[in-house]
Amino acid sequence: MKRRIIAGMGANSFGMAITIGIQLISLPLFLHYWNTSTYGVWLMLSAIPAYLSMADVGMVTAAGNRMNMAADRPAARRKTRRSGGALSPRTVRAVMAATPLRRP
């Protein structure tokens, strides 16, 4: 058991070290090929999926828990209705992300 914990900690530490190394190398590399304005736009565009995934705020997890609790009940229609409702915030965000923005 102790060996598995140590191996897991070692693997996690190795993963963090690789992530830090990539981040330290990527900034000078990006700035070598792009100017700061292009790099800033790339940072903003790459941050959008992270913000959208955080905007979920556990709605899908809560709906999944309610579906599992309702699975023991005979009303199976409610289970289907909840699964479709849980996907709607995600669908709205996907449509909003796919809609092109107008330039002023």
C-alpha atoms as a PDB file:
ATOM      1  CA  MET A   1       0.000   0.000   0.000  1.00  0.00           C
ATOM      2  CA  LYS A   2       2.793   2.375   0.949  1.00  0.00           C
ATOM      3  CA  ARG A   3       4.596   1.606  -2.305  1.00  0.00           C
ATOM      4  CA  ARG A   4       1.489   2.485  -4.360  1.00  0.00           C
ATOM      5  CA  ILE A   5       1.132   5.814  -2.545  1.00  0.00           C
ATOM      6  CA  ILE A   6       4.775   6.682  -3.155  1.00  0.00           C
ATOM      7  CA  ALA A   7       4.483   5.658  -6.822  1.00  0.00           C
ATOM      8  CA  GLY A   8       1.351   7.785  -7.208  1.00  0.00           C
ATOM      9  CA  MET A   9       3.024  10.793  -5.604  1.00  0.00           C
ATOM     10  CA  GLY A  10       6.052  10.335  -7.845  1.00  0.00           C
ATOM     11  CA  ALA A  11       3.912  10.148 -10.983  1.00  0.00           C
ATOM     12  CA  ASN A  12       1.946  13.228  -9.929  1.00  0.00           C
ATOM     13  CA  SER A  13       5.148  15.165  -9.211  1.00  0.00           C
ATOM     14  CA  PHE A  14       6.590  14.139 -12.569  1.00  0.00           C
ATOM     15  CA  GLY A  15       3.434  15.327 -14.331  1.00  0.00           C
ATOM     16  CA  MET A  16       3.591  18.691 -12.566  1.00  0.00           C
ATOM     17  CA  ALA A  17       7.279  19.088 -13.429  1.00  0.00           C
ATOM     18  CA  ILE A  18       6.547  18.390 -17.104  1.00  0.00           C
ATOM     19  CA  THR A  19       3.685  20.933 -17.080  1.00  0.00           C
ATOM     20  CA  ILE A  20       5.890  23.604 -15.502  1.00  0.00           C
ATOM     21  CA  GLY A  21       8.671  22.864 -17.988  1.00  0.00           C
ATOM     22  CA  ILE A  22       6.310  23.152 -20.963  1.00  0.00           C
ATOM     23  CA  GLN A  23       4.933  26.441 -19.668  1.00  0.00           C
ATOM     24  CA  LEU A  24       8.399  27.893 -19.110  1.00  0.00           C
ATOM     25  CA  ILE A  25       9.531  26.874 -22.585  1.00  0.00           C
ATOM     26  CA  SER A  26       6.361  27.809 -24.476  1.00  0.00           C
ATOM     27  CA  LEU A  27       6.268  31.507 -23.538  1.00  0.00           C
ATOM     28  CA  PRO A  28       9.636  32.449 -25.104  1.00  0.00           C
ATOM     29  CA  LEU A  29       8.873  30.179 -28.049  1.00  0.00           C
ATOM     30  CA  PHE A  30       5.493  31.815 -28.734  1.00  0.00           C
ATOM     31  CA  LEU A  31       6.901  35.316 -28.329  1.00  0.00           C
ATOM     32  CA  HIS A  32       9.732  34.466 -30.728  1.00  0.00           C
ATOM     33  CA  TYR A  33       7.285  33.653 -33.537  1.00  0.00           C
ATOM     34  CA  TRP A  34       4.362  35.963 -32.609  1.00  0.00           C
ATOM     35  CA  ASN A  35       4.213  39.563 -31.451  1.00  0.00           C
ATOM     36  CA  THR A  36       2.680  40.330 -28.054  1.00  0.00           C
ATOM     37  CA  SER A  37      -0.660  41.330 -29.569  1.00  0.00           C
ATOM     38  CA  THR A  38      -1.084  38.012 -31.394  1.00  0.00           C
ATOM     39  CA  TYR A  39       0.007  36.111 -28.292  1.00  0.00           C
ATOM     40  CA  GLY A  40      -2.551  38.013 -26.198  1.00  0.00           C
ATOM     41  CA  VAL A  41      -5.339  37.137 -28.642  1.00  0.00           C
ATOM     42  CA  TRP A  42      -4.262  33.497 -28.567  1.00  0.00           C
ATOM     43  CA  LEU A  43      -4.346  33.526 -24.738  1.00  0.00           C
ATOM     44  CA  MET A  44      -7.860  34.980 -24.742  1.00  0.00           C
ATOM     45  CA  LEU A  45      -9.123  32.442 -27.281  1.00  0.00           C
ATOM     46  CA  SER A  46      -7.534  29.509 -25.478  1.00  0.00           C
ATOM     47  CA  ALA A  47      -9.067  30.633 -22.156  1.00  0.00           C
ATOM     48  CA  ILE A  48     -12.638  30.549 -23.484  1.00  0.00           C
ATOM     49  CA  PRO A  49     -13.064  26.738 -23.242  1.00  0.00           C
ATOM     50  CA  ALA A  50     -11.751  26.793 -19.666  1.00  0.00           C
ATOM     51  CA  TYR A  51     -14.251  29.463 -18.653  1.00  0.00           C
ATOM     52  CA  LEU A  52     -17.088  27.618 -20.378  1.00  0.00           C
ATOM     53  CA  SER A  53     -16.254  24.372 -18.610  1.00  0.00           C
ATOM     54  CA  MET A  54     -16.223  26.181 -15.245  1.00  0.00           C
ATOM     55  CA  ALA A  55     -19.575  27.789 -16.054  1.00  0.00           C
ATOM     56  CA  ASP A  56     -21.235  24.392 -15.700  1.00  0.00           C
ATOM     57  CA  VAL A  57     -21.186  24.831 -11.889  1.00  0.00           C
ATOM     58  CA  GLY A  58     -22.110  21.202 -11.272  1.00  0.00           C
ATOM     59  CA  MET A  59     -25.426  21.278 -13.123  1.00  0.00           C
ATOM     60  CA  VAL A  60     -24.698  18.104 -15.107  1.00  0.00           C
ATOM     61  CA  THR A  61     -23.391  16.303 -12.010  1.00  0.00           C
ATOM     62  CA  ALA A  62     -26.460  17.263  -9.995  1.00  0.00           C
ATOM     63  CA  ALA A  63     -28.753  16.121 -12.799  1.00  0.00           C
ATOM     64  CA  GLY A  64     -26.861  12.820 -13.018  1.00  0.00           C
ATOM     65  CA  ASN A  65     -27.263  12.281  -9.278  1.00  0.00           C
ATOM     66  CA  ARG A  66     -30.982  12.987  -9.509  1.00  0.00           C
ATOM     67  CA  MET A  67     -31.273  10.563 -12.433  1.00  0.00           C
ATOM     68  CA  ASN A  68     -29.561   7.842 -10.410  1.00  0.00           C
ATOM     69  CA  MET A  69     -31.864   8.454  -7.450  1.00  0.00           C
ATOM     70  CA  ALA A  70     -34.892   8.351  -9.741  1.00  0.00           C
ATOM     71  CA  ALA A  71     -33.726   5.099 -11.366  1.00  0.00           C
ATOM     72  CA  ASP A  72     -35.162   3.097  -8.462  1.00  0.00           C
ATOM     73  CA  ARG A  73     -38.544   4.739  -8.905  1.00  0.00           C
ATOM     74  CA  PRO A  74     -41.039   3.451 -11.448  1.00  0.00           C
ATOM     75  CA  ALA A  75     -41.363   6.851 -13.159  1.00  0.00           C
ATOM     76  CA  ALA A  76     -38.750   6.303 -15.887  1.00  0.00           C
ATOM     77  CA  ARG A  77     -40.057   9.192 -17.990  1.00  0.00           C
ATOM     78  CA  ARG A  78     -38.759  11.726 -15.468  1.00  0.00           C
ATOM     79  CA  LYS A  79     -35.273  10.261 -15.867  1.00  0.00           C
ATOM     80  CA  THR A  80     -35.306  10.855 -19.625  1.00  0.00           C
ATOM     81  CA  ARG A  81     -36.684  14.362 -19.223  1.00  0.00           C
ATOM     82  CA  ARG A  82     -33.945  15.322 -16.751  1.00  0.00           C
ATOM     83  CA  SER A  83     -31.137  14.090 -18.980  1.00  0.00           C
ATOM     84  CA  GLY A  84     -32.329  16.292 -21.844  1.00  0.00           C
ATOM     85  CA  GLY A  85     -32.677  19.286 -19.534  1.00  0.00           C
ATOM     86  CA  ALA A  86     -29.167  18.864 -18.170  1.00  0.00           C
ATOM     87  CA  LEU A  87     -27.706  19.129 -21.650  1.00  0.00           C
ATOM     88  CA  SER A  88     -29.423  22.400 -22.493  1.00  0.00           C
ATOM     89  CA  PRO A  89     -26.941  24.746 -20.705  1.00  0.00           C
ATOM     90  CA  ARG A  90     -24.117  22.975 -22.481  1.00  0.00           C
ATOM     91  CA  THR A  91     -25.917  23.288 -25.797  1.00  0.00           C
ATOM     92  CA  VAL A  92     -26.499  27.001 -25.257  1.00  0.00           C
ATOM     93  CA  ARG A  93     -22.823  27.546 -24.455  1.00  0.00           C
ATOM     94  CA  ALA A  94     -21.761  25.582 -27.536  1.00  0.00           C
ATOM     95  CA  VAL A  95     -24.008  27.652 -29.776  1.00  0.00           C
ATOM     96  CA  MET A  96     -22.735  30.869 -28.200  1.00  0.00           C
ATOM     97  CA  ALA A  97     -19.117  29.764 -28.686  1.00  0.00           C
ATOM     98  CA  ALA A  98     -19.739  28.813 -32.314  1.00  0.00           C
ATOM     99  CA  THR A  99     -21.442  32.117 -33.160  1.00  0.00           C
ATOM    100  CA  PRO A 100     -18.957  34.480 -34.802  1.00  0.00           C
ATOM    101  CA  LEU A 101     -18.479  37.823 -33.116  1.00  0.00           C
ATOM    102  CA  ARG A 102     -18.924  41.016 -35.081  1.00  0.00           C
ATOM    103  CA  ARG A 103     -16.124  43.506 -35.238  1.00  0.00           C
ATOM    104  CA  PRO A 104     -17.120  47.053 -34.239  1.00  0.00           C
END
